[in-house]
C-alpha atoms as a PDB file:
ATOM      1  CA  MET A   1      32.010  -3.974  12.286  1.00  0.00           C
ATOM      2  CA  GLY A   2      28.692  -2.247  12.966  1.00  0.00           C
ATOM      3  CA  VAL A   3      25.138  -1.996  11.667  1.00  0.00           C
ATOM      4  CA  ALA A   4      24.468  -1.259   7.991  1.00  0.00           C
ATOM      5  CA  VAL A   5      21.223  -0.451   6.195  1.00  0.00           C
ATOM      6  CA  VAL A   6      20.999  -1.306   2.492  1.00  0.00           C
ATOM      7  CA  THR A   7      17.953  -0.115   0.569  1.00  0.00           C
ATOM      8  CA  GLY A   8      16.846  -1.762  -2.655  1.00  0.00           C
ATOM      9  CA  ALA A   9      18.550  -4.877  -1.328  1.00  0.00           C
ATOM     10  CA  GLY A  10      16.162  -7.513  -2.641  1.00  0.00           C
ATOM     11  CA  ARG A  11      18.097  -8.174  -5.835  1.00  0.00           C
ATOM     12  CA  GLY A  12      20.893  -6.996  -8.098  1.00  0.00           C
ATOM     13  CA  ILE A  13      23.503  -4.586  -6.777  1.00  0.00           C
ATOM     14  CA  GLY A  14      21.679  -4.108  -3.469  1.00  0.00           C
ATOM     15  CA  ARG A  15      21.655  -7.818  -2.783  1.00  0.00           C
ATOM     16  CA  GLY A  16      25.362  -8.020  -3.616  1.00  0.00           C
ATOM     17  CA  ILE A  17      26.128  -5.144  -1.244  1.00  0.00           C
ATOM     18  CA  ALA A  18      24.089  -6.663   1.583  1.00  0.00           C
ATOM     19  CA  LEU A  19      25.837 -10.020   1.237  1.00  0.00           C
ATOM     20  CA  ARG A  20      29.282  -8.418   1.118  1.00  0.00           C
ATOM     21  CA  LEU A  21      28.708  -6.172   4.139  1.00  0.00           C
ATOM     22  CA  ALA A  22      27.458  -9.192   6.073  1.00  0.00           C
ATOM     23  CA  ARG A  23      30.633 -11.085   5.169  1.00  0.00           C
ATOM     24  CA  ASP A  24      32.614  -8.058   6.370  1.00  0.00           C
ATOM     25  CA  GLY A  25      31.002  -8.499   9.778  1.00  0.00           C
ATOM     26  CA  HIS A  26      28.204  -5.933   9.679  1.00  0.00           C
ATOM     27  CA  ALA A  27      24.750  -6.680  10.970  1.00  0.00           C
ATOM     28  CA  VAL A  28      22.673  -5.815   7.916  1.00  0.00           C
ATOM     29  CA  ALA A  29      19.214  -4.283   7.715  1.00  0.00           C
ATOM     30  CA  VAL A  30      18.037  -5.480   4.314  1.00  0.00           C
ATOM     31  CA  ASP A  31      15.338  -3.155   2.980  1.00  0.00           C
ATOM     32  CA  ASP A  32      13.177  -3.456  -0.147  1.00  0.00           C
ATOM     33  CA  VAL A  33       9.529  -2.978  -1.090  1.00  0.00           C
ATOM     34  CA  ASN A  34       9.636  -6.478  -2.621  1.00  0.00           C
ATOM     35  CA  THR A  35       9.111  -8.366   0.620  1.00  0.00           C
ATOM     36  CA  ASP A  36       9.712 -11.871  -0.720  1.00  0.00           C
ATOM     37  CA  ASP A  37      13.048 -10.870  -2.233  1.00  0.00           C
ATOM     38  CA  VAL A  38      14.263  -9.074   0.851  1.00  0.00           C
ATOM     39  CA  ALA A  39      13.274 -11.946   3.131  1.00  0.00           C
ATOM     40  CA  ALA A  40      15.255 -14.331   0.933  1.00  0.00           C
ATOM     41  CA  VAL A  41      18.363 -12.135   1.140  1.00  0.00           C
ATOM     42  CA  ALA A  42      18.094 -11.820   4.922  1.00  0.00           C
ATOM     43  CA  ASN A  43      17.684 -15.593   5.194  1.00  0.00           C
ATOM     44  CA  GLU A  44      20.699 -16.110   2.937  1.00  0.00           C
ATOM     45  CA  ILE A  45      22.802 -13.965   5.257  1.00  0.00           C
ATOM     46  CA  THR A  46      21.676 -15.671   8.438  1.00  0.00           C
ATOM     47  CA  ALA A  47      22.099 -19.126   6.893  1.00  0.00           C
ATOM     48  CA  ALA A  48      25.738 -18.211   6.237  1.00  0.00           C
ATOM     49  CA  GLY A  49      26.216 -17.257   9.887  1.00  0.00           C
ATOM     50  CA  GLY A  50      25.665 -13.509   9.581  1.00  0.00           C
ATOM     51  CA  THR A  51      23.152 -11.188  11.212  1.00  0.00           C
ATOM     52  CA  ALA A  52      20.353  -9.653   9.160  1.00  0.00           C
ATOM     53  CA  ARG A  53      16.807  -8.383   9.456  1.00  0.00           C
ATOM     54  CA  ALA A  54      14.374  -7.762   6.613  1.00  0.00           C
ATOM     55  CA  TYR A  55      12.431  -4.499   6.277  1.00  0.00           C
ATOM     56  CA  ASP A  56       9.992  -3.170   3.678  1.00  0.00           C
ATOM     57  CA  ALA A  57      10.269   0.617   3.966  1.00  0.00           C
ATOM     58  CA  ASP A  58       9.455   2.591   0.801  1.00  0.00           C
ATOM     59  CA  VAL A  59      12.284   5.101   0.308  1.00  0.00           C
ATOM     60  CA  THR A  60       9.885   7.564  -1.361  1.00  0.00           C
ATOM     61  CA  ASP A  61       8.053   7.946   1.979  1.00  0.00           C
ATOM     62  CA  PRO A  62      10.103  10.058   4.428  1.00  0.00           C
ATOM     63  CA  GLU A  63       8.123   8.859   7.442  1.00  0.00           C
ATOM     64  CA  ALA A  64       8.702   5.244   6.456  1.00  0.00           C
ATOM     65  CA  VAL A  65      12.459   5.868   6.174  1.00  0.00           C
ATOM     66  CA  THR A  66      12.527   7.590   9.566  1.00  0.00           C
ATOM     67  CA  GLU A  67      10.695   4.620  11.062  1.00  0.00           C
ATOM     68  CA  LEU A  68      13.114   2.239   9.325  1.00  0.00           C
ATOM     69  CA  CYS A  69      16.092   3.886  11.012  1.00  0.00           C
ATOM     70  CA  ARG A  70      14.347   3.844  14.388  1.00  0.00           C
ATOM     71  CA  ARG A  71      13.515   0.149  14.043  1.00  0.00           C
ATOM     72  CA  VAL A  72      17.036  -0.732  12.935  1.00  0.00           C
ATOM     73  CA  VAL A  73      18.493   0.886  16.069  1.00  0.00           C
ATOM     74  CA  ASP A  74      15.982  -0.959  18.243  1.00  0.00           C
ATOM     75  CA  ASP A  75      16.430  -4.312  16.489  1.00  0.00           C
ATOM     76  CA  LEU A  76      20.157  -4.344  15.757  1.00  0.00           C
ATOM     77  CA  GLY A  77      21.580  -1.927  18.303  1.00  0.00           C
ATOM     78  CA  GLY A  78      22.788   0.958  16.146  1.00  0.00           C
ATOM     79  CA  LEU A  79      23.131   2.498  12.699  1.00  0.00           C
ATOM     80  CA  ASP A  80      26.651   2.998  11.432  1.00  0.00           C
ATOM     81  CA  VAL A  81      26.293   2.737   7.646  1.00  0.00           C
ATOM     82  CA  MET A  82      23.474   3.798   5.343  1.00  0.00           C
ATOM     83  CA  VAL A  83      23.683   2.560   1.752  1.00  0.00           C
ATOM     84  CA  ALA A  84      21.008   4.417  -0.217  1.00  0.00           C
ATOM     85  CA  ASN A  85      21.002   1.972  -3.098  1.00  0.00           C
ATOM     86  CA  ALA A  86      17.359   1.848  -4.207  1.00  0.00           C
ATOM     87  CA  GLY A  87      16.917   3.131  -7.746  1.00  0.00           C
ATOM     88  CA  ILE A  88      14.974   2.730 -10.974  1.00  0.00           C
ATOM     89  CA  ALA A  89      15.632   3.437 -14.655  1.00  0.00           C
ATOM     90  CA  GLN A  90      13.579   4.205 -17.747  1.00  0.00           C
ATOM     91  CA  VAL A  91      14.553   4.344 -21.408  1.00  0.00           C
ATOM     92  CA  LYS A  92      12.828   7.245 -23.175  1.00  0.00           C
ATOM     93  CA  PRO A  93      13.776  10.185 -25.390  1.00  0.00           C
ATOM     94  CA  LEU A  94      13.641  13.472 -23.503  1.00  0.00           C
ATOM     95  CA  LEU A  95      10.995  14.816 -25.888  1.00  0.00           C
ATOM     96  CA  GLU A  96       8.686  11.984 -24.776  1.00  0.00           C
ATOM     97  CA  VAL A  97       9.307  12.166 -21.027  1.00  0.00           C
ATOM     98  CA  THR A  98       6.104  12.998 -19.157  1.00  0.00           C
ATOM     99  CA  PRO A  99       5.578  14.730 -15.800  1.00  0.00           C
ATOM    100  CA  ASP A 100       4.617  11.335 -14.354  1.00  0.00           C
ATOM    101  CA  ASP A 101       7.876   9.826 -15.657  1.00  0.00           C
ATOM    102  CA  LEU A 102       9.860  12.604 -13.987  1.00  0.00           C
ATOM    103  CA  ARG A 103       8.007  12.334 -10.694  1.00  0.00           C
ATOM    104  CA  LYS A 104       8.449   8.567 -10.509  1.00  0.00           C
ATOM    105  CA  ILE A 105      12.171   8.490 -11.254  1.00  0.00           C
ATOM    106  CA  PHE A 106      13.031  11.529  -9.123  1.00  0.00           C
ATOM    107  CA  ASP A 107      10.923  10.187  -6.234  1.00  0.00           C
ATOM    108  CA  VAL A 108      13.072   7.065  -5.999  1.00  0.00           C
ATOM    109  CA  ASN A 109      16.493   8.131  -7.248  1.00  0.00           C
ATOM    110  CA  VAL A 110      16.713  11.617  -5.715  1.00  0.00           C
ATOM    111  CA  PHE A 111      14.065  12.075  -3.041  1.00  0.00           C
ATOM    112  CA  GLY A 112      14.723   8.553  -1.763  1.00  0.00           C
ATOM    113  CA  VAL A 113      18.424   9.316  -1.402  1.00  0.00           C
ATOM    114  CA  VAL A 114      17.641  12.551   0.442  1.00  0.00           C
ATOM    115  CA  TYR A 115      15.267  10.823   2.854  1.00  0.00           C
ATOM    116  CA  CYS A 116      17.784   8.059   3.596  1.00  0.00           C
ATOM    117  CA  LEU A 117      20.541  10.606   4.076  1.00  0.00           C
ATOM    118  CA  GLN A 118      18.429  12.770   6.392  1.00  0.00           C
ATOM    119  CA  SER A 119      17.121   9.943   8.558  1.00  0.00           C
ATOM    120  CA  ALA A 120      20.462   8.181   8.852  1.00  0.00           C
ATOM    121  CA  ALA A 121      22.351  11.405   9.615  1.00  0.00           C
ATOM    122  CA  ARG A 122      19.861  12.463  12.281  1.00  0.00           C
ATOM    123  CA  THR A 123      20.159   9.038  13.897  1.00  0.00           C
ATOM    124  CA  MET A 124      23.957   9.128  13.776  1.00  0.00           C
ATOM    125  CA  ILE A 125      24.076  12.680  15.168  1.00  0.00           C
ATOM    126  CA  ASP A 126      21.668  11.831  17.997  1.00  0.00           C
ATOM    127  CA  ARG A 127      23.760   8.791  18.907  1.00  0.00           C
ATOM    128  CA  GLY A 128      27.024  10.740  18.608  1.00  0.00           C
ATOM    129  CA  THR A 129      28.682   7.825  16.850  1.00  0.00           C
ATOM    130  CA  GLY A 130      29.565   9.298  13.463  1.00  0.00           C
ATOM    131  CA  GLY A 131      29.027   7.056  10.492  1.00  0.00           C
ATOM    132  CA  LYS A 132      29.114   6.397   6.770  1.00  0.00           C
ATOM    133  CA  ILE A 133      26.497   7.394   4.230  1.00  0.00           C
ATOM    134  CA  VAL A 134      26.932   5.797   0.820  1.00  0.00           C
ATOM    135  CA  ASN A 135      24.745   6.848  -2.104  1.00  0.00           C
ATOM    136  CA  ALA A 136      24.000   5.140  -5.413  1.00  0.00           C
ATOM    137  CA  ALA A 137      25.058   7.280  -8.371  1.00  0.00           C
ATOM    138  CA  SER A 138      26.149   6.019 -11.801  1.00  0.00           C
ATOM    139  CA  ILE A 139      28.425   6.651 -14.739  1.00  0.00           C
ATOM    140  CA  ALA A 140      25.267   8.413 -16.005  1.00  0.00           C
ATOM    141  CA  GLY A 141      25.929  10.937 -13.249  1.00  0.00           C
ATOM    142  CA  HIS A 142      29.240  11.847 -14.905  1.00  0.00           C
ATOM    143  CA  ALA A 143      28.129  11.729 -18.538  1.00  0.00           C
ATOM    144  CA  GLY A 144      24.577  12.125 -19.793  1.00  0.00           C
ATOM    145  CA  PHE A 145      23.383   9.165 -21.869  1.00  0.00           C
ATOM    146  CA  ASP A 146      20.945   9.434 -24.749  1.00  0.00           C
ATOM    147  CA  LEU A 147      17.556   7.809 -24.071  1.00  0.00           C
ATOM    148  CA  LEU A 148      18.482   7.952 -20.373  1.00  0.00           C
ATOM    149  CA  GLY A 149      18.414  11.721 -19.975  1.00  0.00           C
ATOM    150  CA  HIS A 150      16.059  11.934 -17.008  1.00  0.00           C
ATOM    151  CA  TYR A 151      17.806   8.981 -15.345  1.00  0.00           C
ATOM    152  CA  SER A 152      21.144  10.735 -15.899  1.00  0.00           C
ATOM    153  CA  ALA A 153      19.714  13.896 -14.338  1.00  0.00           C
ATOM    154  CA  THR A 154      18.834  12.014 -11.158  1.00  0.00           C
ATOM    155  CA  LYS A 155      22.361  10.671 -10.878  1.00  0.00           C
ATOM    156  CA  PHE A 156      23.936  14.090 -11.439  1.00  0.00           C
ATOM    157  CA  ALA A 157      21.677  15.238  -8.585  1.00  0.00           C
ATOM    158  CA  VAL A 158      23.000  12.473  -6.328  1.00  0.00           C
ATOM    159  CA  ARG A 159      26.544  13.689  -6.944  1.00  0.00           C
ATOM    160  CA  ALA A 160      25.569  17.224  -5.884  1.00  0.00           C
ATOM    161  CA  LEU A 161      23.762  15.974  -2.793  1.00  0.00           C
ATOM    162  CA  THR A 162      26.757  13.830  -1.869  1.00  0.00           C
ATOM    163  CA  GLN A 163      29.114  16.802  -2.024  1.00  0.00           C
ATOM    164  CA  ALA A 164      26.817  19.148  -0.073  1.00  0.00           C
ATOM    165  CA  ALA A 165      26.044  16.566   2.599  1.00  0.00           C
ATOM    166  CA  ALA A 166      29.734  15.718   2.993  1.00  0.00           C
ATOM    167  CA  LYS A 167      30.456  19.352   3.860  1.00  0.00           C
ATOM    168  CA  GLU A 168      27.502  19.710   6.206  1.00  0.00           C
ATOM    169  CA  LEU A 169      28.009  16.442   8.066  1.00  0.00           C
ATOM    170  CA  ALA A 170      31.799  16.430   8.416  1.00  0.00           C
ATOM    171  CA  PRO A 171      31.646  18.126  11.857  1.00  0.00           C
ATOM    172  CA  HIS A 172      29.592  15.157  13.064  1.00  0.00           C
ATOM    173  CA  ARG A 173      32.212  12.629  11.867  1.00  0.00           C
ATOM    174  CA  ILE A 174      29.883  11.413   9.125  1.00  0.00           C
ATOM    175  CA  THR A 175      31.381  10.805   5.698  1.00  0.00           C
ATOM    176  CA  VAL A 176      29.242  10.865   2.562  1.00  0.00           C
ATOM    177  CA  ASN A 177      30.357   9.247  -0.691  1.00  0.00           C
ATOM    178  CA  ALA A 178      28.768   7.657  -3.749  1.00  0.00           C
ATOM    179  CA  TYR A 179      29.531   4.760  -6.047  1.00  0.00           C
ATOM    180  CA  CYS A 180      29.055   5.020  -9.802  1.00  0.00           C
ATOM    181  CA  PRO A 181      28.585   1.641 -11.488  1.00  0.00           C
ATOM    182  CA  GLY A 182      28.636   1.120 -15.224  1.00  0.00           C
ATOM    183  CA  ILE A 183      27.102  -1.717 -17.217  1.00  0.00           C
ATOM    184  CA  VAL A 184      26.098  -4.278 -14.626  1.00  0.00           C
ATOM    185  CA  GLY A 185      24.540  -7.648 -15.374  1.00  0.00           C
ATOM    186  CA  THR A 186      21.403  -7.118 -13.282  1.00  0.00           C
ATOM    187  CA  ASP A 187      17.632  -6.866 -13.768  1.00  0.00           C
ATOM    188  CA  MET A 188      17.952  -3.104 -14.311  1.00  0.00           C
ATOM    189  CA  TRP A 189      20.232  -3.599 -17.298  1.00  0.00           C
ATOM    190  CA  ASP A 190      17.943  -6.344 -18.587  1.00  0.00           C
ATOM    191  CA  LEU A 191      15.179  -3.713 -18.533  1.00  0.00           C
ATOM    192  CA  ILE A 192      17.350  -1.126 -20.292  1.00  0.00           C
ATOM    193  CA  ASP A 193      18.358  -3.703 -22.887  1.00  0.00           C
ATOM    194  CA  ALA A 194      14.725  -4.637 -23.538  1.00  0.00           C
ATOM    195  CA  GLN A 195      13.460  -1.056 -23.738  1.00  0.00           C
ATOM    196  CA  MET A 196      16.252   0.071 -26.043  1.00  0.00           C
ATOM    197  CA  GLY A 197      15.711  -3.011 -28.181  1.00  0.00           C
ATOM    198  CA  GLU A 198      12.056  -2.087 -28.600  1.00  0.00           C
ATOM    199  CA  ARG A 199      13.104   1.249 -30.063  1.00  0.00           C
ATOM    200  CA  SER A 200      16.002   0.067 -32.210  1.00  0.00           C
ATOM    201  CA  GLY A 201      14.696  -3.329 -33.264  1.00  0.00           C
ATOM    202  CA  ALA A 202      17.683  -5.057 -31.664  1.00  0.00           C
ATOM    203  CA  ALA A 203      17.207  -8.591 -30.414  1.00  0.00           C
ATOM    204  CA  LYS A 204      17.184  -9.343 -26.690  1.00  0.00           C
ATOM    205  CA  GLY A 205      20.689  -9.046 -25.302  1.00  0.00           C
ATOM    206  CA  GLU A 206      22.061  -7.237 -28.339  1.00  0.00           C
ATOM    207  CA  THR A 207      22.030  -3.731 -26.809  1.00  0.00           C
ATOM    208  CA  LEU A 208      23.807  -4.983 -23.689  1.00  0.00           C
ATOM    209  CA  LYS A 209      26.344  -6.709 -25.914  1.00  0.00           C
ATOM    210  CA  GLN A 210      26.961  -3.471 -27.853  1.00  0.00           C
ATOM    211  CA  TYR A 211      27.480  -1.454 -24.673  1.00  0.00           C
ATOM    212  CA  ALA A 212      29.684  -4.163 -23.175  1.00  0.00           C
ATOM    213  CA  ALA A 213      31.933  -4.063 -26.241  1.00  0.00           C
ATOM    214  CA  GLY A 214      33.102  -0.628 -25.098  1.00  0.00           C
ATOM    215  CA  ILE A 215      34.285  -1.771 -21.666  1.00  0.00           C
ATOM    216  CA  PRO A 216      38.111  -1.662 -21.590  1.00  0.00           C
ATOM    217  CA  LEU A 217      38.327  -4.478 -19.051  1.00  0.00           C
ATOM    218  CA  GLY A 218      36.452  -6.689 -21.468  1.00  0.00           C
ATOM    219  CA  ARG A 219      33.472  -7.940 -19.473  1.00  0.00           C
ATOM    220  CA  VAL A 220      30.148  -6.860 -18.047  1.00  0.00           C
ATOM    221  CA  GLN A 221      30.324  -5.711 -14.441  1.00  0.00           C
ATOM    222  CA  THR A 222      28.928  -7.875 -11.634  1.00  0.00           C
ATOM    223  CA  ALA A 223      27.093  -6.867  -8.487  1.00  0.00           C
ATOM    224  CA  GLU A 224      30.082  -8.234  -6.574  1.00  0.00           C
ATOM    225  CA  ASP A 225      32.383  -5.753  -8.342  1.00  0.00           C
ATOM    226  CA  VAL A 226      30.257  -2.893  -7.034  1.00  0.00           C
ATOM    227  CA  ALA A 227      29.859  -4.422  -3.585  1.00  0.00           C
ATOM    228  CA  ALA A 228      33.626  -4.689  -3.146  1.00  0.00           C
ATOM    229  CA  PHE A 229      33.952  -0.934  -3.550  1.00  0.00           C
ATOM    230  CA  VAL A 230      30.996  -0.226  -1.269  1.00  0.00           C
ATOM    231  CA  SER A 231      32.738  -2.429   1.301  1.00  0.00           C
ATOM    232  CA  TYR A 232      35.644   0.005   1.188  1.00  0.00           C
ATOM    233  CA  LEU A 233      33.351   3.044   1.498  1.00  0.00           C
ATOM    234  CA  ALA A 234      31.581   1.441   4.464  1.00  0.00           C
ATOM    235  CA  GLY A 235      34.787   0.461   6.252  1.00  0.00           C
ATOM    236  CA  PRO A 236      37.552   2.213   8.191  1.00  0.00           C
ATOM    237  CA  ASP A 237      39.999   2.416   5.281  1.00  0.00           C
ATOM    238  CA  SER A 238      37.855   5.195   3.754  1.00  0.00           C
ATOM    239  CA  ASP A 239      37.725   7.328   6.908  1.00  0.00           C
ATOM    240  CA  TYR A 240      39.579  10.216   5.222  1.00  0.00           C
ATOM    241  CA  MET A 241      37.421  10.149   2.096  1.00  0.00           C
ATOM    242  CA  THR A 242      34.255  12.223   1.756  1.00  0.00           C
ATOM    243  CA  GLY A 243      32.245  14.031  -0.908  1.00  0.00           C
ATOM    244  CA  GLN A 244      33.412  11.721  -3.693  1.00  0.00           C
ATOM    245  CA  SER A 245      31.363   9.992  -6.404  1.00  0.00           C
ATOM    246  CA  VAL A 246      33.712   7.371  -7.727  1.00  0.00           C
ATOM    247  CA  MET A 247      33.280   5.444 -10.962  1.00  0.00           C
ATOM    248  CA  ILE A 248      33.715   1.705 -10.766  1.00  0.00           C
ATOM    249  CA  ASP A 249      32.794   0.752 -14.308  1.00  0.00           C
ATOM    250  CA  GLY A 250      35.634  -1.156 -15.934  1.00  0.00           C
ATOM    251  CA  GLY A 251      36.841   2.021 -17.612  1.00  0.00           C
ATOM    252  CA  VAL A 252      33.728   2.995 -19.605  1.00  0.00           C
ATOM    253  CA  VAL A 253      33.956   6.644 -18.517  1.00  0.00           C
ATOM    254  CA  MET A 254      37.390   8.051 -17.720  1.00  0.00           C
ATOM    255  CA  VAL A 255      37.919  11.555 -16.351  1.00  0.00           C
END
């Protein structure tokens, strides 16, 4: 299929995306600051007969992301898909959010997406190959969630960046879309569950259970659910789709 970069690929949704794109036939550059995790994912792909390389670029460092793209081209022979998946969350009322909180979450969730988008697009333009840029948004980018206000703001920003980049990069045959997961059974939601429980007094797992009760399809989302949609965004069937931030959330938010 081509060469795909997946950031934040050491665990959770990123790991699921990397494994799925490898099964689709992509050579996958698996990137994460957690080097042990990312090495394990790359080894899992190669053990299954796929092609993968592990990288440890920090998406908050634009020079590191530029170097990542350069190394991927050298190591794997191209760069056709960039999945800017790396992201973090924090549970906190807006009246308690500090400048440091804002800097940390925007550095990863917004600046990191911009740096991945810029470096991948420049590489694709220089190579003249076109390509696919896929950004991580969220249902919190369509509806602001209490206690997740600053997180929601970063995901609204990703939607705006996705639309603007889609318009700017269309002449270069580069599409830009985003995926918007809901309540996914990953480490991030374990963190949200724990932090909300600390504030409400709810037992471990209770907050996740309460949120999950509102999912029309009746179950918590899996990383594989998200990865299946990213597979579509990264493949040829989505060639006429750009500028979209699509919810894949079991029906939690409907617009």
